[in-house]
C-alpha cells in the first residue's frame, strides 16, 4: 500500500527497505532451520519448519510485489 501513497521519488528507498526486510527474515529462517534438530518434540519441529517456510514464502512474494510496483512507477 505504501507504493501508492508515497512520493514517487522514494520508490528506490521503499524497494530497498523491502529487500532488507526479506534479508532479515531469511537470516531468521536460517537460524530457525539450523536449530530445529535441537528440539526434542519432533512435532513442534515439523510445525515450526512448515510455518517458517510459509512465512518466508509470503515475505518473498511481498518483496517481489513491492519491487515490481516500485519499478513500474519509475
PDB file of N, CA and C in Angstrom:
ATOM      1  N   UNK A   1       0.806  -1.206   0.000  1.00  0.00           N
ATOM      2  CA  UNK A   1       0.000   0.000   0.000  1.00  0.00           C
ATOM      3  C   UNK A   1       0.842   1.260   0.000  1.00  0.00           C
ATOM      4  N   UNK A   2       2.049   1.186   0.527  1.00  0.00           N
ATOM      5  CA  UNK A   2       2.888   2.374   0.566  1.00  0.00           C
ATOM      6  C   UNK A   2       3.300   2.852  -0.816  1.00  0.00           C
ATOM      7  N   UNK A   3       3.413   1.931  -1.759  1.00  0.00           N
ATOM      8  CA  UNK A   3       3.845   2.321  -3.103  1.00  0.00           C
ATOM      9  C   UNK A   3       2.895   3.368  -3.675  1.00  0.00           C
ATOM     10  N   UNK A   4       1.617   3.196  -3.450  1.00  0.00           N
ATOM     11  CA  UNK A   4       0.617   4.118  -3.992  1.00  0.00           C
ATOM     12  C   UNK A   4       0.511   5.410  -3.188  1.00  0.00           C
ATOM     13  N   UNK A   5       1.000   5.396  -1.957  1.00  0.00           N
ATOM     14  CA  UNK A   5       0.818   6.548  -1.073  1.00  0.00           C
ATOM     15  C   UNK A   5       2.101   7.329  -0.826  1.00  0.00           C
ATOM     16  N   UNK A   6       3.191   6.902  -1.432  1.00  0.00           N
ATOM     17  CA  UNK A   6       4.490   7.518  -1.171  1.00  0.00           C
ATOM     18  C   UNK A   6       4.920   8.375  -2.350  1.00  0.00           C
ATOM     19  N   UNK A   7       5.725   9.342  -2.070  1.00  0.00           N
ATOM     20  CA  UNK A   7       6.320  10.170  -3.112  1.00  0.00           C
ATOM     21  C   UNK A   7       7.062   9.258  -4.090  1.00  0.00           C
ATOM     22  N   UNK A   8       6.812   9.376  -5.390  1.00  0.00           N
ATOM     23  CA  UNK A   8       7.488   8.524  -6.378  1.00  0.00           C
ATOM     24  C   UNK A   8       9.014   8.608  -6.311  1.00  0.00           C
ATOM     25  N   UNK A   9       9.528   9.711  -5.787  1.00  0.00           N
ATOM     26  CA  UNK A   9      10.978   9.860  -5.660  1.00  0.00           C
ATOM     27  C   UNK A   9      11.549   8.920  -4.594  1.00  0.00           C
ATOM     28  N   UNK A  10      10.680   8.315  -3.800  1.00  0.00           N
ATOM     29  CA  UNK A  10      11.122   7.405  -2.742  1.00  0.00           C
ATOM     30  C   UNK A  10      10.985   5.938  -3.136  1.00  0.00           C
ATOM     31  N   UNK A  11      10.692   5.671  -4.395  1.00  0.00           N
ATOM     32  CA  UNK A  11      10.469   4.287  -4.834  1.00  0.00           C
ATOM     33  C   UNK A  11      11.678   3.405  -4.559  1.00  0.00           C
ATOM     34  N   UNK A  12      12.864   3.909  -4.833  1.00  0.00           N
ATOM     35  CA  UNK A  12      14.053   3.079  -4.598  1.00  0.00           C
ATOM     36  C   UNK A  12      14.240   2.815  -3.109  1.00  0.00           C
ATOM     37  N   UNK A  13      13.954   3.801  -2.268  1.00  0.00           N
ATOM     38  CA  UNK A  13      14.068   3.604  -0.819  1.00  0.00           C
ATOM     39  C   UNK A  13      13.081   2.549  -0.333  1.00  0.00           C
ATOM     40  N   UNK A  14      11.875   2.594  -0.869  1.00  0.00           N
ATOM     41  CA  UNK A  14      10.859   1.623  -0.483  1.00  0.00           C
ATOM     42  C   UNK A  14      11.243   0.211  -0.936  1.00  0.00           C
ATOM     43  N   UNK A  15      11.749   0.094  -2.157  1.00  0.00           N
ATOM     44  CA  UNK A  15      12.176  -1.215  -2.661  1.00  0.00           C
ATOM     45  C   UNK A  15      13.337  -1.760  -1.839  1.00  0.00           C
ATOM     46  N   UNK A  16      14.287  -0.901  -1.509  1.00  0.00           N
ATOM     47  CA  UNK A  16      15.430  -1.335  -0.699  1.00  0.00           C
ATOM     48  C   UNK A  16      14.969  -1.762   0.687  1.00  0.00           C
ATOM     49  N   UNK A  17      14.028  -1.044   1.266  1.00  0.00           N
ATOM     50  CA  UNK A  17      13.501  -1.433   2.577  1.00  0.00           C
ATOM     51  C   UNK A  17      12.875  -2.825   2.516  1.00  0.00           C
ATOM     52  N   UNK A  18      12.142  -3.104   1.451  1.00  0.00           N
ATOM     53  CA  UNK A  18      11.528  -4.428   1.298  1.00  0.00           C
ATOM     54  C   UNK A  18      12.596  -5.510   1.182  1.00  0.00           C
ATOM     55  N   UNK A  19      13.644  -5.236   0.427  1.00  0.00           N
ATOM     56  CA  UNK A  19      14.734  -6.205   0.269  1.00  0.00           C
ATOM     57  C   UNK A  19      15.423  -6.455   1.611  1.00  0.00           C
ATOM     58  N   UNK A  20      15.614  -5.405   2.395  1.00  0.00           N
ATOM     59  CA  UNK A  20      16.257  -5.569   3.697  1.00  0.00           C
ATOM     60  C   UNK A  20      15.379  -6.351   4.668  1.00  0.00           C
ATOM     61  N   UNK A  21      14.077  -6.129   4.609  1.00  0.00           N
ATOM     62  CA  UNK A  21      13.158  -6.918   5.436  1.00  0.00           C
ATOM     63  C   UNK A  21      13.249  -8.387   5.050  1.00  0.00           C
ATOM     64  N   UNK A  22      13.269  -8.656   3.747  1.00  0.00           N
ATOM     65  CA  UNK A  22      13.385 -10.050   3.304  1.00  0.00           C
ATOM     66  C   UNK A  22      14.707 -10.655   3.763  1.00  0.00           C
ATOM     67  N   UNK A  23      15.767  -9.888   3.697  1.00  0.00           N
ATOM     68  CA  UNK A  23      17.074 -10.371   4.138  1.00  0.00           C
ATOM     69  C   UNK A  23      17.056 -10.722   5.625  1.00  0.00           C
ATOM     70  N   UNK A  24      16.450  -9.875   6.427  1.00  0.00           N
ATOM     71  CA  UNK A  24      16.344 -10.155   7.860  1.00  0.00           C
ATOM     72  C   UNK A  24      15.511 -11.410   8.107  1.00  0.00           C
ATOM     73  N   UNK A  25      14.427 -11.554   7.370  1.00  0.00           N
ATOM     74  CA  UNK A  25      13.569 -12.735   7.523  1.00  0.00           C
ATOM     75  C   UNK A  25      14.303 -14.002   7.105  1.00  0.00           C
ATOM     76  N   UNK A  26      15.062 -13.927   6.022  1.00  0.00           N
ATOM     77  CA  UNK A  26      15.829 -15.098   5.571  1.00  0.00           C
ATOM     78  C   UNK A  26      16.891 -15.471   6.596  1.00  0.00           C
ATOM     79  N   UNK A  27      17.518 -14.469   7.205  1.00  0.00           N
ATOM     80  CA  UNK A  27      18.511 -14.732   8.250  1.00  0.00           C
ATOM     81  C   UNK A  27      17.867 -15.431   9.440  1.00  0.00           C
ATOM     82  N   UNK A  28      16.712 -14.941   9.839  1.00  0.00           N
ATOM     83  CA  UNK A  28      15.996 -15.570  10.953  1.00  0.00           C
ATOM     84  C   UNK A  28      15.599 -16.999  10.607  1.00  0.00           C
ATOM     85  N   UNK A  29      15.152 -17.208   9.380  1.00  0.00           N
ATOM     86  CA  UNK A  29      14.750 -18.554   8.952  1.00  0.00           C
ATOM     87  C   UNK A  29      15.934 -19.516   8.994  1.00  0.00           C
ATOM     88  N   UNK A  30      17.107 -19.045   8.591  1.00  0.00           N
ATOM     89  CA  UNK A  30      18.304 -19.896   8.673  1.00  0.00           C
ATOM     90  C   UNK A  30      18.590 -20.283  10.117  1.00  0.00           C
ATOM     91  N   UNK A  31      18.500 -19.330  11.026  1.00  0.00           N
ATOM     92  CA  UNK A  31      18.729 -19.645  12.439  1.00  0.00           C
ATOM     93  C   UNK A  31      17.730 -20.669  12.949  1.00  0.00           C
ATOM     94  N   UNK A  32      16.493 -20.519  12.549  1.00  0.00           N
ATOM     95  CA  UNK A  32      15.464 -21.475  12.969  1.00  0.00           C
ATOM     96  C   UNK A  32      15.769 -22.855  12.411  1.00  0.00           C
ATOM     97  N   UNK A  33      16.020 -22.934  11.104  1.00  0.00           N
ATOM     98  CA  UNK A  33      16.280 -24.241  10.480  1.00  0.00           C
ATOM     99  C   UNK A  33      17.487 -24.941  11.091  1.00  0.00           C
ATOM    100  N   UNK A  34      18.535 -24.198  11.367  1.00  0.00           N
ATOM    101  CA  UNK A  34      19.748 -24.790  11.932  1.00  0.00           C
ATOM    102  C   UNK A  34      19.483 -25.349  13.325  1.00  0.00           C
ATOM    103  N   UNK A  35      18.621 -24.684  14.081  1.00  0.00           N
ATOM    104  CA  UNK A  35      18.375 -25.098  15.464  1.00  0.00           C
ATOM    105  C   UNK A  35      17.218 -26.076  15.637  1.00  0.00           C
ATOM    106  N   UNK A  36      16.451 -26.328  14.601  1.00  0.00           N
ATOM    107  CA  UNK A  36      15.319 -27.254  14.718  1.00  0.00           C
ATOM    108  C   UNK A  36      15.718 -28.641  15.211  1.00  0.00           C
ATOM    109  N   UNK A  37      16.842 -29.204  14.773  1.00  0.00           N
ATOM    110  CA  UNK A  37      17.205 -30.538  15.257  1.00  0.00           C
ATOM    111  C   UNK A  37      17.418 -30.605  16.773  1.00  0.00           C
ATOM    112  N   UNK A  38      17.606 -29.470  17.411  1.00  0.00           N
ATOM    113  CA  UNK A  38      17.805 -29.457  18.857  1.00  0.00           C
ATOM    114  C   UNK A  38      16.499 -29.624  19.629  1.00  0.00           C
ATOM    115  N   UNK A  39      15.379 -29.434  18.952  1.00  0.00           N
ATOM    116  CA  UNK A  39      14.081 -29.593  19.622  1.00  0.00           C
ATOM    117  C   UNK A  39      13.800 -31.068  19.874  1.00  0.00           C
ATOM    118  N   UNK A  40      13.393 -31.367  21.078  1.00  0.00           N
ATOM    119  CA  UNK A  40      13.069 -32.764  21.414  1.00  0.00           C
ATOM    120  C   UNK A  40      11.732 -33.182  20.824  1.00  0.00           C
ATOM    121  N   UNK A  41      10.808 -32.248  20.799  1.00  0.00           N
ATOM    122  CA  UNK A  41       9.472 -32.544  20.279  1.00  0.00           C
ATOM    123  C   UNK A  41       9.507 -32.403  18.756  1.00  0.00           C
ATOM    124  N   UNK A  42       9.536 -33.523  18.064  1.00  0.00           N
ATOM    125  CA  UNK A  42       9.643 -33.514  16.602  1.00  0.00           C
ATOM    126  C   UNK A  42       8.390 -32.949  15.940  1.00  0.00           C
ATOM    127  N   UNK A  43       7.251 -33.065  16.619  1.00  0.00           N
ATOM    128  CA  UNK A  43       6.025 -32.466  16.091  1.00  0.00           C
ATOM    129  C   UNK A  43       6.122 -30.949  16.057  1.00  0.00           C
ATOM    130  N   UNK A  44       6.652 -30.390  17.129  1.00  0.00           N
ATOM    131  CA  UNK A  44       6.851 -28.938  17.181  1.00  0.00           C
ATOM    132  C   UNK A  44       7.880 -28.521  16.132  1.00  0.00           C
ATOM    133  N   UNK A  45       8.927 -29.323  15.972  1.00  0.00           N
ATOM    134  CA  UNK A  45       9.954 -29.016  14.969  1.00  0.00           C
ATOM    135  C   UNK A  45       9.346 -29.000  13.569  1.00  0.00           C
ATOM    136  N   UNK A  46       8.521 -29.993  13.273  1.00  0.00           N
ATOM    137  CA  UNK A  46       7.893 -30.065  11.948  1.00  0.00           C
ATOM    138  C   UNK A  46       6.961 -28.876  11.728  1.00  0.00           C
ATOM    139  N   UNK A  47       6.166 -28.558  12.741  1.00  0.00           N
ATOM    140  CA  UNK A  47       5.238 -27.434  12.644  1.00  0.00           C
ATOM    141  C   UNK A  47       6.008 -26.119  12.461  1.00  0.00           C
ATOM    142  N   UNK A  48       7.091 -25.969  13.189  1.00  0.00           N
ATOM    143  CA  UNK A  48       7.910 -24.760  13.084  1.00  0.00           C
ATOM    144  C   UNK A  48       8.555 -24.662  11.708  1.00  0.00           C
ATOM    145  N   UNK A  49       9.034 -25.781  11.193  1.00  0.00           N
ATOM    146  CA  UNK A  49       9.641 -25.803   9.852  1.00  0.00           C
ATOM    147  C   UNK A  49       8.609 -25.371   8.807  1.00  0.00           C
ATOM    148  N   UNK A  50       7.404 -25.910   8.912  1.00  0.00           N
ATOM    149  CA  UNK A  50       6.336 -25.580   7.969  1.00  0.00           C
ATOM    150  C   UNK A  50       5.963 -24.103   8.051  1.00  0.00           C
ATOM    151  N   UNK A  51       5.809 -23.599   9.268  1.00  0.00           N
ATOM    152  CA  UNK A  51       5.432 -22.198   9.458  1.00  0.00           C
ATOM    153  C   UNK A  51       6.545 -21.261   8.979  1.00  0.00           C
ATOM    154  N   UNK A  52       7.778 -21.645   9.222  1.00  0.00           N
ATOM    155  CA  UNK A  52       8.910 -20.833   8.770  1.00  0.00           C
ATOM    156  C   UNK A  52       8.942 -20.761   7.249  1.00  0.00           C
ATOM    157  N   UNK A  53       8.725 -21.884   6.601  1.00  0.00           N
ATOM    158  CA  UNK A  53       8.708 -21.913   5.132  1.00  0.00           C
ATOM    159  C   UNK A  53       7.551 -21.074   4.593  1.00  0.00           C
ATOM    160  N   UNK A  54       6.385 -21.197   5.209  1.00  0.00           N
ATOM    161  CA  UNK A  54       5.215 -20.431   4.767  1.00  0.00           C
ATOM    162  C   UNK A  54       5.464 -18.930   4.910  1.00  0.00           C
ATOM    163  N   UNK A  55       5.993 -18.544   6.049  1.00  0.00           N
ATOM    164  CA  UNK A  55       6.267 -17.129   6.292  1.00  0.00           C
ATOM    165  C   UNK A  55       7.341 -16.607   5.345  1.00  0.00           C
ATOM    166  N   UNK A  56       8.386 -17.389   5.133  1.00  0.00           N
ATOM    167  CA  UNK A  56       9.458 -16.991   4.210  1.00  0.00           C
ATOM    168  C   UNK A  56       8.918 -16.787   2.800  1.00  0.00           C
ATOM    169  N   UNK A  57       8.067 -17.689   2.359  1.00  0.00           N
ATOM    170  CA  UNK A  57       7.472 -17.567   1.022  1.00  0.00           C
ATOM    171  C   UNK A  57       6.587 -16.330   0.916  1.00  0.00           C
ATOM    172  N   UNK A  58       5.827 -16.054   1.971  1.00  0.00           N
ATOM    173  CA  UNK A  58       4.952 -14.878   1.963  1.00  0.00           C
ATOM    174  C   UNK A  58       5.776 -13.593   1.907  1.00  0.00           C
ATOM    175  N   UNK A  59       6.849 -13.544   2.675  1.00  0.00           N
ATOM    176  CA  UNK A  59       7.700 -12.355   2.674  1.00  0.00           C
ATOM    177  C   UNK A  59       8.382 -12.189   1.322  1.00  0.00           C
ATOM    178  N   UNK A  60       8.835 -13.291   0.735  1.00  0.00           N
ATOM    179  CA  UNK A  60       9.463 -13.232  -0.593  1.00  0.00           C
ATOM    180  C   UNK A  60       8.465 -12.675  -1.619  1.00  0.00           C
ATOM    181  N   UNK A  61       7.232 -13.149  -1.568  1.00  0.00           N
ATOM    182  CA  UNK A  61       6.212 -12.677  -2.509  1.00  0.00           C
ATOM    183  C   UNK A  61       5.920 -11.191  -2.311  1.00  0.00           C
ATOM    184  N   UNK A  62       5.846 -10.756  -1.060  1.00  0.00           N
ATOM    185  CA  UNK A  62       5.609  -9.331  -0.797  1.00  0.00           C
ATOM    186  C   UNK A  62       6.767  -8.475  -1.301  1.00  0.00           C
ATOM    187  N   UNK A  63       7.980  -8.956  -1.088  1.00  0.00           N
ATOM    188  CA  UNK A  63       9.151  -8.218  -1.566  1.00  0.00           C
ATOM    189  C   UNK A  63       9.117  -8.089  -3.082  1.00  0.00           C
ATOM    190  N   UNK A  64       8.829  -9.185  -3.760  1.00  0.00           N
ATOM    191  CA  UNK A  64       8.751  -9.151  -5.222  1.00  0.00           C
ATOM    192  C   UNK A  64       7.665  -8.195  -5.691  1.00  0.00           C
ATOM    193  N   UNK A  65       6.545  -8.178  -4.981  1.00  0.00           N
ATOM    194  CA  UNK A  65       5.457  -7.276  -5.337  1.00  0.00           C
ATOM    195  C   UNK A  65       5.876  -5.814  -5.169  1.00  0.00           C
ATOM    196  N   UNK A  66       6.508  -5.507  -4.047  1.00  0.00           N
ATOM    197  CA  UNK A  66       6.955  -4.134  -3.808  1.00  0.00           C
ATOM    198  C   UNK A  66       7.979  -3.723  -4.860  1.00  0.00           C
ATOM    199  N   UNK A  67       8.949  -4.598  -5.131  1.00  0.00           N
ATOM    200  CA  UNK A  67       9.965  -4.274  -6.139  1.00  0.00           C
ATOM    201  C   UNK A  67       9.331  -4.037  -7.509  1.00  0.00           C
ATOM    202  N   UNK A  68       8.408  -4.897  -7.875  1.00  0.00           N
ATOM    203  CA  UNK A  68       7.755  -4.776  -9.174  1.00  0.00           C
ATOM    204  C   UNK A  68       6.966  -3.474  -9.273  1.00  0.00           C
ATOM    205  N   UNK A  69       6.226  -3.169  -8.227  1.00  0.00           N
ATOM    206  CA  UNK A  69       5.415  -1.953  -8.243  1.00  0.00           C
ATOM    207  C   UNK A  69       6.283  -0.704  -8.211  1.00  0.00           C
ATOM    208  N   UNK A  70       7.387  -0.761  -7.486  1.00  0.00           N
ATOM    209  CA  UNK A  70       8.299   0.389  -7.468  1.00  0.00           C
ATOM    210  C   UNK A  70       8.944   0.581  -8.835  1.00  0.00           C
ATOM    211  N   UNK A  71       9.303  -0.506  -9.480  1.00  0.00           N
ATOM    212  CA  UNK A  71       9.936  -0.423 -10.801  1.00  0.00           C
ATOM    213  C   UNK A  71       8.958   0.100 -11.845  1.00  0.00           C
ATOM    214  N   UNK A  72       7.693  -0.280 -11.734  1.00  0.00           N
ATOM    215  CA  UNK A  72       6.711   0.159 -12.732  1.00  0.00           C
ATOM    216  C   UNK A  72       6.347   1.629 -12.556  1.00  0.00           C
ATOM    217  N   UNK A  73       6.583   2.159 -11.370  1.00  0.00           N
ATOM    218  CA  UNK A  73       6.292   3.574 -11.130  1.00  0.00           C
ATOM    219  C   UNK A  73       7.434   4.480 -11.569  1.00  0.00           C
ATOM    220  N   UNK A  74       8.581   3.903 -11.891  1.00  0.00           N
ATOM    221  CA  UNK A  74       9.736   4.747 -12.244  1.00  0.00           C
ATOM    222  C   UNK A  74       9.781   5.030 -13.730  1.00  0.00           C
TER     223      UNK A  74
END
